[in-house]
Amino acid sequence: MTNSVNIAKKRIVVLISGGGTNLQAIIDACKDGYINGEVVAVISNKADVYGLIRAEQAGISHAVLSHKDHDSRESYDQALVSKINSFSPDLVVLAGFMRILTADFVQTYSGKLLNIHPSLLPKYQGLNTHQRAIDAKDNEHGVSVHFVTEELDGGPVILQAKVPVFSEDSADDLASRVHQQEHRIYPLVVKWFCENRLSMQNEQAVLDGNILPASGYAND
């Protein structure tokens, strides 16, 4: 295992569209020294979201880049790349960023672009994952952190966390249970990346030199 003390802190840019609870978990983990990195900027495609207030309270540069100001997905993503690059990031973290990204954007940050998705991928790509798990009468559900590739919610999984599904659950009940796990595993994956332990090679997630299985790292 690499000693993070000898590694320069990684510069992290976080993209959001909402309240930013995963953003907060990562900010806190950086502040506490758990992550050998620093969130240098937060960018939202929506104004008036609480995640921007979290950035302001933490003294982090933040910006709104509205997709409504662009007439195409390509135009927006080009502007987004320019804004992100102005902060010279080592890592770009999607934390509830509700945009489908163009291939050019994904290729620009290949191997240093992370996302979190509220399901046990490859199950339930896309939206409304909690209700879909309930409707399918699944007995377990969860969350996945993965590298981003051009396939929507299809990049190699790094880490998953599972939660039980109870017969009386609403989608909100299940979402709450999943969020608790999100705030644990996303900072952990960012920590691995910032310690140079985690990379993407040949469309596969590699941790400590080992190719991770399809479901990601498993310590059980």
Protein backbone atom coordinates (compact mmCIF):
# COMPACT_ATOMS: atom_id res chain seq x y z
CA MET A 1 0.00 0.00 0.00
CA THR A 2 1.30 3.43 -0.94
CA ASN A 3 2.06 5.88 1.84
CA SER A 4 -0.14 8.89 1.08
CA VAL A 5 2.10 11.18 3.13
CA ASN A 6 4.60 11.13 0.27
CA ILE A 7 2.00 11.95 -2.40
CA ALA A 8 0.97 15.49 -3.26
CA LYS A 9 -2.67 16.21 -2.54
CA LYS A 10 -4.92 15.57 -5.51
CA ARG A 11 -7.05 18.41 -6.88
CA ILE A 12 -10.72 17.39 -7.05
CA VAL A 13 -13.53 19.08 -8.99
CA VAL A 14 -17.05 17.98 -8.05
CA LEU A 15 -20.06 18.33 -10.38
CA ILE A 16 -23.51 18.55 -8.81
CA SER A 17 -27.14 19.26 -9.65
CA GLY A 18 -28.72 19.26 -6.20
CA GLY A 19 -28.29 19.14 -2.46
CA GLY A 20 -24.76 17.77 -2.46
CA THR A 21 -24.80 15.26 0.40
CA ASN A 22 -22.09 13.17 -1.27
CA LEU A 23 -20.18 16.39 -1.94
CA GLN A 24 -20.34 17.13 1.78
CA ALA A 25 -19.08 13.66 2.66
CA ILE A 26 -16.08 14.16 0.37
CA ILE A 27 -15.40 17.70 1.66
CA ASP A 28 -15.45 16.41 5.24
CA ALA A 29 -13.19 13.47 4.41
CA CYS A 30 -10.65 15.83 2.80
CA LYS A 31 -10.81 18.21 5.74
CA ASP A 32 -10.27 15.36 8.19
CA GLY A 33 -7.25 14.10 6.27
CA TYR A 34 -8.97 10.82 5.38
CA ILE A 35 -8.65 11.75 1.70
CA ASN A 36 -5.24 12.98 0.53
CA GLY A 37 -6.93 15.56 -1.67
CA GLU A 38 -8.68 18.89 -1.81
CA VAL A 39 -11.96 19.87 -3.41
CA VAL A 40 -10.81 22.89 -5.41
CA ALA A 41 -14.12 23.63 -7.17
CA VAL A 42 -17.79 22.72 -7.25
CA ILE A 43 -19.72 23.23 -10.48
CA SER A 44 -23.49 22.94 -10.79
CA ASN A 45 -25.70 22.96 -13.87
CA LYS A 46 -28.47 24.42 -11.71
CA ALA A 47 -28.53 27.60 -9.65
CA ASP A 48 -30.05 27.82 -6.17
CA VAL A 49 -29.14 24.29 -5.11
CA TYR A 50 -27.91 23.58 -1.60
CA GLY A 51 -24.72 21.96 -2.82
CA LEU A 52 -23.48 25.42 -3.83
CA ILE A 53 -24.11 26.66 -0.29
CA ARG A 54 -22.09 23.73 1.04
CA ALA A 55 -19.19 24.79 -1.21
CA GLU A 56 -19.49 28.40 -0.08
CA GLN A 57 -19.55 27.41 3.59
CA ALA A 58 -16.38 25.37 3.04
CA GLY A 59 -14.62 28.22 1.25
CA ILE A 60 -14.49 26.31 -2.04
CA SER A 61 -14.68 27.99 -5.43
CA HIS A 62 -18.05 27.33 -7.02
CA ALA A 63 -19.80 28.15 -10.24
CA VAL A 64 -23.08 27.65 -12.06
CA LEU A 65 -22.91 26.60 -15.68
CA SER A 66 -26.49 26.26 -16.87
CA HIS A 67 -27.29 23.88 -19.70
CA LYS A 68 -30.15 26.24 -20.57
CA ASP A 69 -27.60 28.71 -21.91
CA HIS A 70 -26.48 26.24 -24.59
CA ASP A 71 -28.32 25.02 -27.65
CA SER A 72 -26.75 21.56 -27.72
CA ARG A 73 -25.30 18.95 -25.43
CA GLU A 74 -22.00 19.25 -27.27
CA SER A 75 -21.82 23.01 -26.75
CA TYR A 76 -22.57 22.65 -23.06
CA ASP A 77 -20.00 19.94 -22.52
CA GLN A 78 -17.32 21.95 -24.32
CA ALA A 79 -18.00 24.87 -21.97
CA LEU A 80 -17.99 22.51 -19.01
CA VAL A 81 -14.60 21.06 -19.99
CA SER A 82 -13.20 24.59 -20.25
CA LYS A 83 -14.53 25.49 -16.80
CA ILE A 84 -13.27 22.27 -15.20
CA ASN A 85 -9.84 22.61 -16.78
CA SER A 86 -9.44 26.11 -15.35
CA PHE A 87 -9.04 24.37 -11.97
CA SER A 88 -6.40 21.87 -13.19
CA PRO A 89 -8.05 18.83 -11.59
CA ASP A 90 -6.51 15.42 -11.00
CA LEU A 91 -9.98 13.92 -10.47
CA VAL A 92 -13.51 14.84 -11.53
CA VAL A 93 -16.28 13.52 -9.30
CA LEU A 94 -19.93 13.34 -10.37
CA ALA A 95 -22.05 13.72 -7.25
CA GLY A 96 -25.66 13.78 -8.34
CA PHE A 97 -24.84 15.54 -11.61
CA MET A 98 -28.00 14.93 -13.63
CA ARG A 99 -26.62 15.20 -17.13
CA ILE A 100 -25.91 12.59 -19.79
CA LEU A 101 -22.37 13.37 -20.87
CA THR A 102 -21.09 13.38 -24.44
CA ALA A 103 -18.43 10.93 -25.60
CA ASP A 104 -15.95 13.78 -26.05
CA PHE A 105 -16.41 14.86 -22.42
CA VAL A 106 -15.97 11.33 -21.10
CA GLN A 107 -12.87 10.78 -23.23
CA THR A 108 -11.35 14.04 -21.98
CA TYR A 109 -11.36 12.74 -18.41
CA SER A 110 -11.00 9.03 -19.09
CA GLY A 111 -9.58 7.27 -16.05
CA LYS A 112 -10.14 10.24 -13.74
CA LEU A 113 -13.92 10.55 -13.84
CA LEU A 114 -15.98 8.89 -11.08
CA ASN A 115 -19.73 8.51 -10.63
CA ILE A 116 -22.02 7.06 -8.00
CA HIS A 117 -25.22 5.30 -9.02
CA PRO A 118 -28.01 4.15 -6.68
CA SER A 119 -28.25 0.52 -7.70
CA LEU A 120 -26.16 -2.63 -7.79
CA LEU A 121 -24.94 -2.16 -11.33
CA PRO A 122 -25.49 -3.48 -13.92
CA LYS A 123 -29.03 -3.65 -12.53
CA TYR A 124 -31.24 -0.57 -12.89
CA GLN A 125 -29.22 1.79 -14.99
CA GLY A 126 -30.90 5.17 -15.40
CA LEU A 127 -33.53 6.70 -13.13
CA ASN A 128 -36.04 5.63 -10.44
CA THR A 129 -33.81 2.84 -9.24
CA HIS A 130 -35.33 2.49 -5.76
CA GLN A 131 -38.90 2.06 -7.01
CA ARG A 132 -37.72 -0.35 -9.68
CA ALA A 133 -36.04 -2.52 -7.05
CA ILE A 134 -39.22 -2.51 -4.96
CA ASP A 135 -41.42 -3.31 -7.96
CA ALA A 136 -39.14 -6.23 -8.85
CA LYS A 137 -39.50 -7.53 -5.27
CA ASP A 138 -35.74 -7.60 -4.85
CA ASN A 139 -34.55 -8.53 -1.37
CA GLU A 140 -31.42 -6.43 -1.69
CA HIS A 141 -30.54 -3.15 -3.35
CA GLY A 142 -27.60 -0.81 -3.07
CA VAL A 143 -25.20 1.62 -4.62
CA SER A 144 -22.21 1.46 -6.96
CA VAL A 145 -19.21 3.73 -7.48
CA HIS A 146 -17.73 3.35 -10.94
CA PHE A 147 -15.43 4.88 -13.48
CA VAL A 148 -17.35 6.72 -16.18
CA THR A 149 -17.19 5.46 -19.75
CA GLU A 150 -19.29 6.30 -22.79
CA GLU A 151 -21.92 3.73 -21.82
CA LEU A 152 -24.51 5.28 -19.50
CA ASP A 153 -23.97 3.91 -15.97
CA GLY A 154 -21.84 1.24 -17.62
CA GLY A 155 -18.25 1.94 -16.64
CA PRO A 156 -16.26 -0.54 -14.55
CA VAL A 157 -17.55 -0.83 -10.98
CA ILE A 158 -15.05 -0.05 -8.23
CA LEU A 159 -17.08 -0.61 -5.07
CA GLN A 160 -20.65 -1.52 -4.14
CA ALA A 161 -22.60 -1.49 -0.91
CA LYS A 162 -25.76 -3.52 -0.37
CA VAL A 163 -28.82 -2.75 1.72
CA PRO A 164 -31.85 -4.91 2.49
CA VAL A 165 -35.24 -4.26 0.90
CA PHE A 166 -38.18 -4.75 3.25
CA SER A 167 -41.72 -5.51 2.13
CA GLU A 168 -43.08 -2.31 3.65
CA ASP A 169 -40.43 -0.04 2.10
CA SER A 170 -41.34 3.04 0.10
CA ALA A 171 -38.89 4.40 -2.44
CA ASP A 172 -38.00 7.13 0.07
CA ASP A 173 -37.30 4.55 2.79
CA LEU A 174 -34.98 2.68 0.48
CA ALA A 175 -33.31 5.85 -0.77
CA SER A 176 -32.53 6.88 2.81
CA ARG A 177 -30.89 3.53 3.51
CA VAL A 178 -28.87 3.74 0.29
CA HIS A 179 -27.75 7.33 1.00
CA GLN A 180 -26.14 6.23 4.27
CA GLN A 181 -23.99 3.79 2.32
CA GLU A 182 -23.22 6.33 -0.42
CA HIS A 183 -21.65 8.64 2.16
CA ARG A 184 -19.37 5.81 3.30
CA ILE A 185 -18.19 4.32 0.02
CA TYR A 186 -17.75 7.41 -2.18
CA PRO A 187 -15.12 9.00 0.10
CA LEU A 188 -13.37 5.62 0.33
CA VAL A 189 -13.07 5.31 -3.45
CA VAL A 190 -11.87 8.91 -3.74
CA LYS A 191 -9.32 8.11 -1.02
CA TRP A 192 -8.02 5.16 -3.04
CA PHE A 193 -7.67 7.30 -6.14
CA CYS A 194 -5.87 10.07 -4.29
CA GLU A 195 -3.36 7.55 -2.90
CA ASN A 196 -2.58 6.37 -6.46
CA ARG A 197 -3.97 2.94 -5.59
CA LEU A 198 -6.87 3.06 -8.07
CA SER A 199 -6.84 3.39 -11.84
CA MET A 200 -8.74 2.38 -14.96
CA GLN A 201 -6.83 0.23 -17.43
CA ASN A 202 -8.33 -1.29 -20.59
CA GLU A 203 -11.84 -0.41 -19.40
CA GLN A 204 -11.26 -2.24 -16.12
CA ALA A 205 -10.93 -0.95 -12.57
CA VAL A 206 -7.56 -1.78 -11.01
CA LEU A 207 -6.88 -1.47 -7.26
CA ASP A 208 -3.42 -2.09 -5.82
CA GLY A 209 -2.42 -3.69 -9.13
CA ASN A 210 -5.33 -6.13 -9.14
CA ILE A 211 -8.14 -6.07 -11.70
CA LEU A 212 -11.42 -5.79 -9.82
CA PRO A 213 -14.29 -8.18 -10.57
CA ALA A 214 -17.46 -6.98 -12.32
CA SER A 215 -19.11 -6.14 -9.00
CA GLY A 216 -16.07 -4.21 -7.78
CA TYR A 217 -13.92 -4.65 -4.68
CA ALA A 218 -15.21 -7.13 -2.13
CA ASN A 219 -13.65 -7.54 1.30
CA ASP A 220 -15.99 -10.31 2.40
